[in-house]
Amino acid sequence: MTSESAAATRAPRATGRGALRREEILAAAAALFARRGFHGVTIDDIGAAVGMSGPGLYRHFSNKEAVLAEMLVGISERLLAEGSRRVVAAPDAAGALDALLDWHTGFALRQPDLITVQTRELENVPEPARRQVRRLQRLYVEEWVTVVSELSPRAPAARLRTAVHAVFGLLNSTPHSTGEQPPDSSAGLLRAMARAALAAAAESPAALRALPSGS
């Protein structure tokens, strides 16, 4: 995607008080979109949730689609940037997988509204931003595939990629699957299930044993 396309979809990032206000708007919009769906929410609804008039919100976002675009591009950027940072910081592939699992599980548990919106509302994002989100998501998937490939080098990449997508489906189930347990218990269960799913894609029992057991 060209920089011109991105600029047409997302306004320049504000700084200071303006940036904080934008974050408040995005958080309120995520809660509303998750609960009522994108088409069930108006600009006035978002404005009311943060104590401003609908027209006042236009000082920060040009329209409702721009709110959704910044929200979903922002999620994808955060997941990729932090995931990449943790992989680089890890001592080996096993540690990198552990770090990725901790990062994504924690994010999904802390941000169920964003997970819901990301899963359900991408088709409502304007096309330039939608392409950007999909590109960032592909890069994030490949971070995981690269790490798992080091642990199971003979497994076909397509098999590992399928497993990684399945793991994302599991971890991103948090808005629906974790309400009856404390967050720590849910996190441990999700990590264990994710490791089991990745192990199932490995090519040999030795490769299964190579996957980290976690803390």
C-alpha atoms as a PDB file:
ATOM      1  CA  MET A   1       0.000   0.000   0.000  1.00  0.00           C
ATOM      2  CA  THR A   2       1.283   3.469  -0.837  1.00  0.00           C
ATOM      3  CA  SER A   3       1.800   6.116   1.807  1.00  0.00           C
ATOM      4  CA  GLU A   4      -0.778   8.250  -0.017  1.00  0.00           C
ATOM      5  CA  SER A   5      -3.415   5.518   0.412  1.00  0.00           C
ATOM      6  CA  ALA A   6      -2.654   5.169   4.092  1.00  0.00           C
ATOM      7  CA  ALA A   7      -2.826   8.910   4.616  1.00  0.00           C
ATOM      8  CA  ALA A   8      -6.204   9.067   2.939  1.00  0.00           C
ATOM      9  CA  THR A   9      -7.567   6.513   5.382  1.00  0.00           C
ATOM     10  CA  ARG A  10      -5.921   7.494   8.645  1.00  0.00           C
ATOM     11  CA  ALA A  11      -5.293  10.971   9.959  1.00  0.00           C
ATOM     12  CA  PRO A  12      -1.815  11.865  11.257  1.00  0.00           C
ATOM     13  CA  ARG A  13      -1.290  10.740  14.818  1.00  0.00           C
ATOM     14  CA  ALA A  14      -1.962  13.404  17.396  1.00  0.00           C
ATOM     15  CA  THR A  15       0.372  14.071  20.290  1.00  0.00           C
ATOM     16  CA  GLY A  16      -0.123  15.055  23.927  1.00  0.00           C
ATOM     17  CA  ARG A  17      -3.677  15.733  25.050  1.00  0.00           C
ATOM     18  CA  GLY A  18      -5.029  15.150  21.547  1.00  0.00           C
ATOM     19  CA  ALA A  19      -3.500  11.670  21.443  1.00  0.00           C
ATOM     20  CA  LEU A  20      -5.029  10.803  24.809  1.00  0.00           C
ATOM     21  CA  ARG A  21      -8.412  11.990  23.601  1.00  0.00           C
ATOM     22  CA  ARG A  22      -8.130   9.860  20.474  1.00  0.00           C
ATOM     23  CA  GLU A  23      -7.287   6.829  22.617  1.00  0.00           C
ATOM     24  CA  GLU A  24     -10.379   7.479  24.742  1.00  0.00           C
ATOM     25  CA  ILE A  25     -12.499   7.664  21.605  1.00  0.00           C
ATOM     26  CA  LEU A  26     -11.022   4.457  20.217  1.00  0.00           C
ATOM     27  CA  ALA A  27     -11.576   2.586  23.491  1.00  0.00           C
ATOM     28  CA  ALA A  28     -15.181   3.770  23.740  1.00  0.00           C
ATOM     29  CA  ALA A  29     -15.825   2.911  20.100  1.00  0.00           C
ATOM     30  CA  ALA A  30     -14.338  -0.575  20.557  1.00  0.00           C
ATOM     31  CA  ALA A  31     -16.705  -1.273  23.442  1.00  0.00           C
ATOM     32  CA  LEU A  32     -19.691  -0.035  21.440  1.00  0.00           C
ATOM     33  CA  PHE A  33     -18.728  -1.883  18.246  1.00  0.00           C
ATOM     34  CA  ALA A  34     -18.147  -5.104  20.200  1.00  0.00           C
ATOM     35  CA  ARG A  35     -21.517  -4.862  21.944  1.00  0.00           C
ATOM     36  CA  ARG A  36     -23.732  -3.522  19.166  1.00  0.00           C
ATOM     37  CA  GLY A  37     -21.841  -4.060  15.935  1.00  0.00           C
ATOM     38  CA  PHE A  38     -20.379  -1.405  13.648  1.00  0.00           C
ATOM     39  CA  HIS A  39     -23.682  -0.645  11.929  1.00  0.00           C
ATOM     40  CA  GLY A  40     -25.516  -0.383  15.247  1.00  0.00           C
ATOM     41  CA  VAL A  41     -23.353   2.531  16.430  1.00  0.00           C
ATOM     42  CA  THR A  42     -23.439   6.166  15.309  1.00  0.00           C
ATOM     43  CA  ILE A  43     -20.917   8.971  15.614  1.00  0.00           C
ATOM     44  CA  ASP A  44     -23.263  10.536  18.170  1.00  0.00           C
ATOM     45  CA  ASP A  45     -23.145   7.321  20.219  1.00  0.00           C
ATOM     46  CA  ILE A  46     -19.347   7.370  20.256  1.00  0.00           C
ATOM     47  CA  GLY A  47     -19.277  11.042  21.140  1.00  0.00           C
ATOM     48  CA  ALA A  48     -21.735  10.543  23.985  1.00  0.00           C
ATOM     49  CA  ALA A  49     -19.609   7.720  25.396  1.00  0.00           C
ATOM     50  CA  VAL A  50     -16.667  10.111  25.827  1.00  0.00           C
ATOM     51  CA  GLY A  51     -18.687  13.188  26.810  1.00  0.00           C
ATOM     52  CA  MET A  52     -18.548  15.142  23.578  1.00  0.00           C
ATOM     53  CA  SER A  53     -21.005  15.976  20.843  1.00  0.00           C
ATOM     54  CA  GLY A  54     -21.005  14.010  17.627  1.00  0.00           C
ATOM     55  CA  PRO A  55     -19.815  17.045  15.640  1.00  0.00           C
ATOM     56  CA  GLY A  56     -17.031  17.588  18.181  1.00  0.00           C
ATOM     57  CA  LEU A  57     -15.735  14.112  17.457  1.00  0.00           C
ATOM     58  CA  TYR A  58     -15.062  15.158  13.850  1.00  0.00           C
ATOM     59  CA  ARG A  59     -12.117  17.187  15.144  1.00  0.00           C
ATOM     60  CA  HIS A  60     -10.425  13.853  15.775  1.00  0.00           C
ATOM     61  CA  PHE A  61     -11.862  11.510  13.129  1.00  0.00           C
ATOM     62  CA  SER A  62     -13.415  12.315   9.768  1.00  0.00           C
ATOM     63  CA  ASN A  63     -16.120   9.636  10.094  1.00  0.00           C
ATOM     64  CA  LYS A  64     -17.042   6.368  11.774  1.00  0.00           C
ATOM     65  CA  GLU A  65     -15.111   4.352   9.196  1.00  0.00           C
ATOM     66  CA  ALA A  66     -11.946   6.283  10.084  1.00  0.00           C
ATOM     67  CA  VAL A  67     -12.414   5.327  13.737  1.00  0.00           C
ATOM     68  CA  LEU A  68     -12.682   1.652  12.815  1.00  0.00           C
ATOM     69  CA  ALA A  69      -9.739   1.861  10.413  1.00  0.00           C
ATOM     70  CA  GLU A  70      -7.407   3.394  12.985  1.00  0.00           C
ATOM     71  CA  MET A  71      -8.572   0.880  15.566  1.00  0.00           C
ATOM     72  CA  LEU A  72      -7.894  -2.209  13.452  1.00  0.00           C
ATOM     73  CA  VAL A  73      -4.673  -0.979  11.872  1.00  0.00           C
ATOM     74  CA  GLY A  74      -3.491  -0.051  15.362  1.00  0.00           C
ATOM     75  CA  ILE A  75      -4.252  -3.537  16.728  1.00  0.00           C
ATOM     76  CA  SER A  76      -2.344  -5.170  13.896  1.00  0.00           C
ATOM     77  CA  GLU A  77       0.623  -2.836  14.312  1.00  0.00           C
ATOM     78  CA  ARG A  78       0.786  -3.512  18.056  1.00  0.00           C
ATOM     79  CA  LEU A  79       0.616  -7.275  17.675  1.00  0.00           C
ATOM     80  CA  LEU A  80       3.326  -7.334  15.017  1.00  0.00           C
ATOM     81  CA  ALA A  81       5.667  -4.827  16.667  1.00  0.00           C
ATOM     82  CA  GLU A  82       5.579  -6.403  20.113  1.00  0.00           C
ATOM     83  CA  GLY A  83       5.649  -9.937  18.765  1.00  0.00           C
ATOM     84  CA  SER A  84       8.711  -9.121  16.654  1.00  0.00           C
ATOM     85  CA  ARG A  85      10.415  -7.422  19.589  1.00  0.00           C
ATOM     86  CA  ARG A  86       9.892 -10.444  21.808  1.00  0.00           C
ATOM     87  CA  VAL A  87      11.185 -12.853  19.181  1.00  0.00           C
ATOM     88  CA  VAL A  88      14.365 -10.818  18.764  1.00  0.00           C
ATOM     89  CA  ALA A  89      14.873 -10.657  22.535  1.00  0.00           C
ATOM     90  CA  ALA A  90      14.372 -14.398  23.083  1.00  0.00           C
ATOM     91  CA  PRO A  91      17.449 -16.593  23.620  1.00  0.00           C
ATOM     92  CA  ASP A  92      16.263 -19.338  21.257  1.00  0.00           C
ATOM     93  CA  ALA A  93      13.251 -20.578  19.275  1.00  0.00           C
ATOM     94  CA  ALA A  94      11.666 -22.232  22.309  1.00  0.00           C
ATOM     95  CA  GLY A  95      11.905 -18.997  24.249  1.00  0.00           C
ATOM     96  CA  ALA A  96      10.570 -17.057  21.272  1.00  0.00           C
ATOM     97  CA  LEU A  97       7.503 -19.291  21.060  1.00  0.00           C
ATOM     98  CA  ASP A  98       6.928 -18.905  24.770  1.00  0.00           C
ATOM     99  CA  ALA A  99       7.179 -15.126  24.404  1.00  0.00           C
ATOM    100  CA  LEU A 100       4.725 -15.062  21.480  1.00  0.00           C
ATOM    101  CA  LEU A 101       2.233 -17.195  23.370  1.00  0.00           C
ATOM    102  CA  ASP A 102       2.483 -14.991  26.457  1.00  0.00           C
ATOM    103  CA  TRP A 103       2.086 -11.829  24.395  1.00  0.00           C
ATOM    104  CA  HIS A 104      -0.909 -12.888  22.336  1.00  0.00           C
ATOM    105  CA  THR A 105      -2.678 -14.618  25.223  1.00  0.00           C
ATOM    106  CA  GLY A 106      -2.250 -11.582  27.458  1.00  0.00           C
ATOM    107  CA  PHE A 107      -3.446  -9.212  24.746  1.00  0.00           C
ATOM    108  CA  ALA A 108      -6.524 -11.327  24.031  1.00  0.00           C
ATOM    109  CA  LEU A 109      -7.436 -11.512  27.725  1.00  0.00           C
ATOM    110  CA  ARG A 110      -6.905  -7.793  28.344  1.00  0.00           C
ATOM    111  CA  GLN A 111      -8.601  -6.545  25.170  1.00  0.00           C
ATOM    112  CA  PRO A 112     -11.686  -8.683  24.473  1.00  0.00           C
ATOM    113  CA  ASP A 113     -13.513  -5.783  22.810  1.00  0.00           C
ATOM    114  CA  LEU A 114     -10.674  -5.232  20.345  1.00  0.00           C
ATOM    115  CA  ILE A 115     -10.485  -8.960  19.623  1.00  0.00           C
ATOM    116  CA  THR A 116     -14.236  -9.025  18.906  1.00  0.00           C
ATOM    117  CA  VAL A 117     -14.069  -6.016  16.601  1.00  0.00           C
ATOM    118  CA  GLN A 118     -10.986  -7.318  14.793  1.00  0.00           C
ATOM    119  CA  THR A 119     -12.662 -10.672  14.168  1.00  0.00           C
ATOM    120  CA  ARG A 120     -16.046  -9.336  13.108  1.00  0.00           C
ATOM    121  CA  GLU A 121     -15.700  -5.917  11.501  1.00  0.00           C
ATOM    122  CA  LEU A 122     -12.747  -5.996   9.075  1.00  0.00           C
ATOM    123  CA  GLU A 123     -15.028  -5.952   6.030  1.00  0.00           C
ATOM    124  CA  ASN A 124     -16.364  -2.563   7.164  1.00  0.00           C
ATOM    125  CA  VAL A 125     -12.919  -0.954   7.032  1.00  0.00           C
ATOM    126  CA  PRO A 126     -12.242   1.144   3.886  1.00  0.00           C
ATOM    127  CA  GLU A 127     -10.219  -0.809   1.342  1.00  0.00           C
ATOM    128  CA  PRO A 128      -6.801   0.907   1.700  1.00  0.00           C
ATOM    129  CA  ALA A 129      -6.762   0.307   5.457  1.00  0.00           C
ATOM    130  CA  ARG A 130      -8.182  -3.189   5.001  1.00  0.00           C
ATOM    131  CA  ARG A 131      -5.251  -4.093   2.755  1.00  0.00           C
ATOM    132  CA  GLN A 132      -2.875  -2.683   5.350  1.00  0.00           C
ATOM    133  CA  VAL A 133      -4.478  -4.729   8.130  1.00  0.00           C
ATOM    134  CA  ARG A 134      -4.259  -7.915   6.089  1.00  0.00           C
ATOM    135  CA  ARG A 135      -0.618  -7.247   5.233  1.00  0.00           C
ATOM    136  CA  LEU A 136       0.259  -6.687   8.892  1.00  0.00           C
ATOM    137  CA  GLN A 137      -1.645  -9.815   9.875  1.00  0.00           C
ATOM    138  CA  ARG A 138       0.268 -11.884   7.301  1.00  0.00           C
ATOM    139  CA  LEU A 139       3.559 -10.579   8.654  1.00  0.00           C
ATOM    140  CA  TYR A 140       2.498 -11.460  12.192  1.00  0.00           C
ATOM    141  CA  VAL A 141       1.550 -14.978  11.129  1.00  0.00           C
ATOM    142  CA  GLU A 142       4.954 -15.394   9.480  1.00  0.00           C
ATOM    143  CA  GLU A 143       6.707 -14.378  12.711  1.00  0.00           C
ATOM    144  CA  TRP A 144       5.035 -17.345  14.362  1.00  0.00           C
ATOM    145  CA  VAL A 145       5.619 -19.696  11.424  1.00  0.00           C
ATOM    146  CA  THR A 146       9.324 -18.843  11.367  1.00  0.00           C
ATOM    147  CA  VAL A 147       9.674 -19.626  15.065  1.00  0.00           C
ATOM    148  CA  VAL A 148       7.704 -22.879  14.899  1.00  0.00           C
ATOM    149  CA  SER A 149       9.676 -23.909  11.797  1.00  0.00           C
ATOM    150  CA  GLU A 150      12.889 -23.697  13.816  1.00  0.00           C
ATOM    151  CA  LEU A 151      11.399 -26.118  16.338  1.00  0.00           C
ATOM    152  CA  SER A 152      10.068 -28.458  13.664  1.00  0.00           C
ATOM    153  CA  PRO A 153      12.294 -27.902  10.605  1.00  0.00           C
ATOM    154  CA  ARG A 154      11.008 -30.846   8.555  1.00  0.00           C
ATOM    155  CA  ALA A 155       7.335 -29.932   8.837  1.00  0.00           C
ATOM    156  CA  PRO A 156       5.879 -28.299   5.707  1.00  0.00           C
ATOM    157  CA  ALA A 157       5.432 -24.547   6.082  1.00  0.00           C
ATOM    158  CA  ALA A 158       1.815 -24.811   4.906  1.00  0.00           C
ATOM    159  CA  ARG A 159       1.070 -27.260   7.722  1.00  0.00           C
ATOM    160  CA  LEU A 160       2.646 -24.984  10.304  1.00  0.00           C
ATOM    161  CA  ARG A 161       0.846 -21.940   8.915  1.00  0.00           C
ATOM    162  CA  THR A 162      -2.473 -23.770   9.236  1.00  0.00           C
ATOM    163  CA  ALA A 163      -1.621 -24.602  12.839  1.00  0.00           C
ATOM    164  CA  VAL A 164      -0.720 -20.986  13.614  1.00  0.00           C
ATOM    165  CA  HIS A 165      -4.038 -19.752  12.207  1.00  0.00           C
ATOM    166  CA  ALA A 166      -5.821 -22.360  14.336  1.00  0.00           C
ATOM    167  CA  VAL A 167      -3.951 -21.154  17.409  1.00  0.00           C
ATOM    168  CA  PHE A 168      -5.057 -17.590  16.714  1.00  0.00           C
ATOM    169  CA  GLY A 169      -8.649 -18.802  16.536  1.00  0.00           C
ATOM    170  CA  LEU A 170      -8.188 -20.480  19.914  1.00  0.00           C
ATOM    171  CA  LEU A 171      -6.541 -17.508  21.618  1.00  0.00           C
ATOM    172  CA  ASN A 172      -8.968 -15.033  20.066  1.00  0.00           C
ATOM    173  CA  SER A 173     -11.904 -16.944  21.574  1.00  0.00           C
ATOM    174  CA  THR A 174     -11.385 -15.045  24.849  1.00  0.00           C
ATOM    175  CA  PRO A 175     -14.497 -12.825  24.526  1.00  0.00           C
ATOM    176  CA  HIS A 176     -16.590 -16.007  24.683  1.00  0.00           C
ATOM    177  CA  SER A 177     -14.509 -18.690  26.395  1.00  0.00           C
ATOM    178  CA  THR A 178     -12.943 -17.248  29.544  1.00  0.00           C
ATOM    179  CA  GLY A 179     -15.715 -15.678  31.587  1.00  0.00           C
ATOM    180  CA  GLU A 180     -15.977 -18.443  34.195  1.00  0.00           C
ATOM    181  CA  GLN A 181     -12.309 -18.515  35.264  1.00  0.00           C
ATOM    182  CA  PRO A 182      -9.857 -16.033  36.761  1.00  0.00           C
ATOM    183  CA  PRO A 183      -7.598 -14.489  34.095  1.00  0.00           C
ATOM    184  CA  ASP A 184      -4.486 -16.338  35.317  1.00  0.00           C
ATOM    185  CA  SER A 185      -6.223 -19.705  35.075  1.00  0.00           C
ATOM    186  CA  SER A 186      -7.571 -18.853  31.632  1.00  0.00           C
ATOM    187  CA  ALA A 187      -4.145 -17.745  30.448  1.00  0.00           C
ATOM    188  CA  GLY A 188      -2.494 -20.967  31.551  1.00  0.00           C
ATOM    189  CA  LEU A 189      -5.177 -23.104  29.936  1.00  0.00           C
ATOM    190  CA  LEU A 190      -5.050 -21.187  26.659  1.00  0.00           C
ATOM    191  CA  ARG A 191      -1.263 -21.393  26.472  1.00  0.00           C
ATOM    192  CA  ALA A 192      -1.315 -25.132  27.124  1.00  0.00           C
ATOM    193  CA  MET A 193      -3.971 -25.718  24.474  1.00  0.00           C
ATOM    194  CA  ALA A 194      -2.097 -23.551  21.982  1.00  0.00           C
ATOM    195  CA  ARG A 195       1.114 -25.505  22.536  1.00  0.00           C
ATOM    196  CA  ALA A 196      -0.783 -28.754  22.008  1.00  0.00           C
ATOM    197  CA  ALA A 197      -2.210 -27.438  18.735  1.00  0.00           C
ATOM    198  CA  LEU A 198       1.238 -26.438  17.486  1.00  0.00           C
ATOM    199  CA  ALA A 199       2.712 -29.750  18.608  1.00  0.00           C
ATOM    200  CA  ALA A 200       0.095 -31.576  16.541  1.00  0.00           C
ATOM    201  CA  ALA A 201       1.544 -29.933  13.434  1.00  0.00           C
ATOM    202  CA  ALA A 202       5.089 -31.131  14.166  1.00  0.00           C
ATOM    203  CA  GLU A 203       6.498 -33.946  12.060  1.00  0.00           C
ATOM    204  CA  SER A 204       7.758 -36.335  14.735  1.00  0.00           C
ATOM    205  CA  PRO A 205       7.514 -37.169  18.454  1.00  0.00           C
ATOM    206  CA  ALA A 206      10.966 -35.630  18.898  1.00  0.00           C
ATOM    207  CA  ALA A 207       9.660 -32.380  17.480  1.00  0.00           C
ATOM    208  CA  LEU A 208       6.713 -32.518  19.863  1.00  0.00           C
ATOM    209  CA  ARG A 209       9.112 -32.772  22.776  1.00  0.00           C
ATOM    210  CA  ALA A 210      11.068 -29.786  21.442  1.00  0.00           C
ATOM    211  CA  LEU A 211       8.127 -27.437  21.928  1.00  0.00           C
ATOM    212  CA  PRO A 212       8.427 -25.488  25.199  1.00  0.00           C
ATOM    213  CA  SER A 213       6.314 -26.615  28.099  1.00  0.00           C
ATOM    214  CA  GLY A 214       5.826 -23.066  29.411  1.00  0.00           C
ATOM    215  CA  SER A 215       5.791 -21.737  32.919  1.00  0.00           C
END
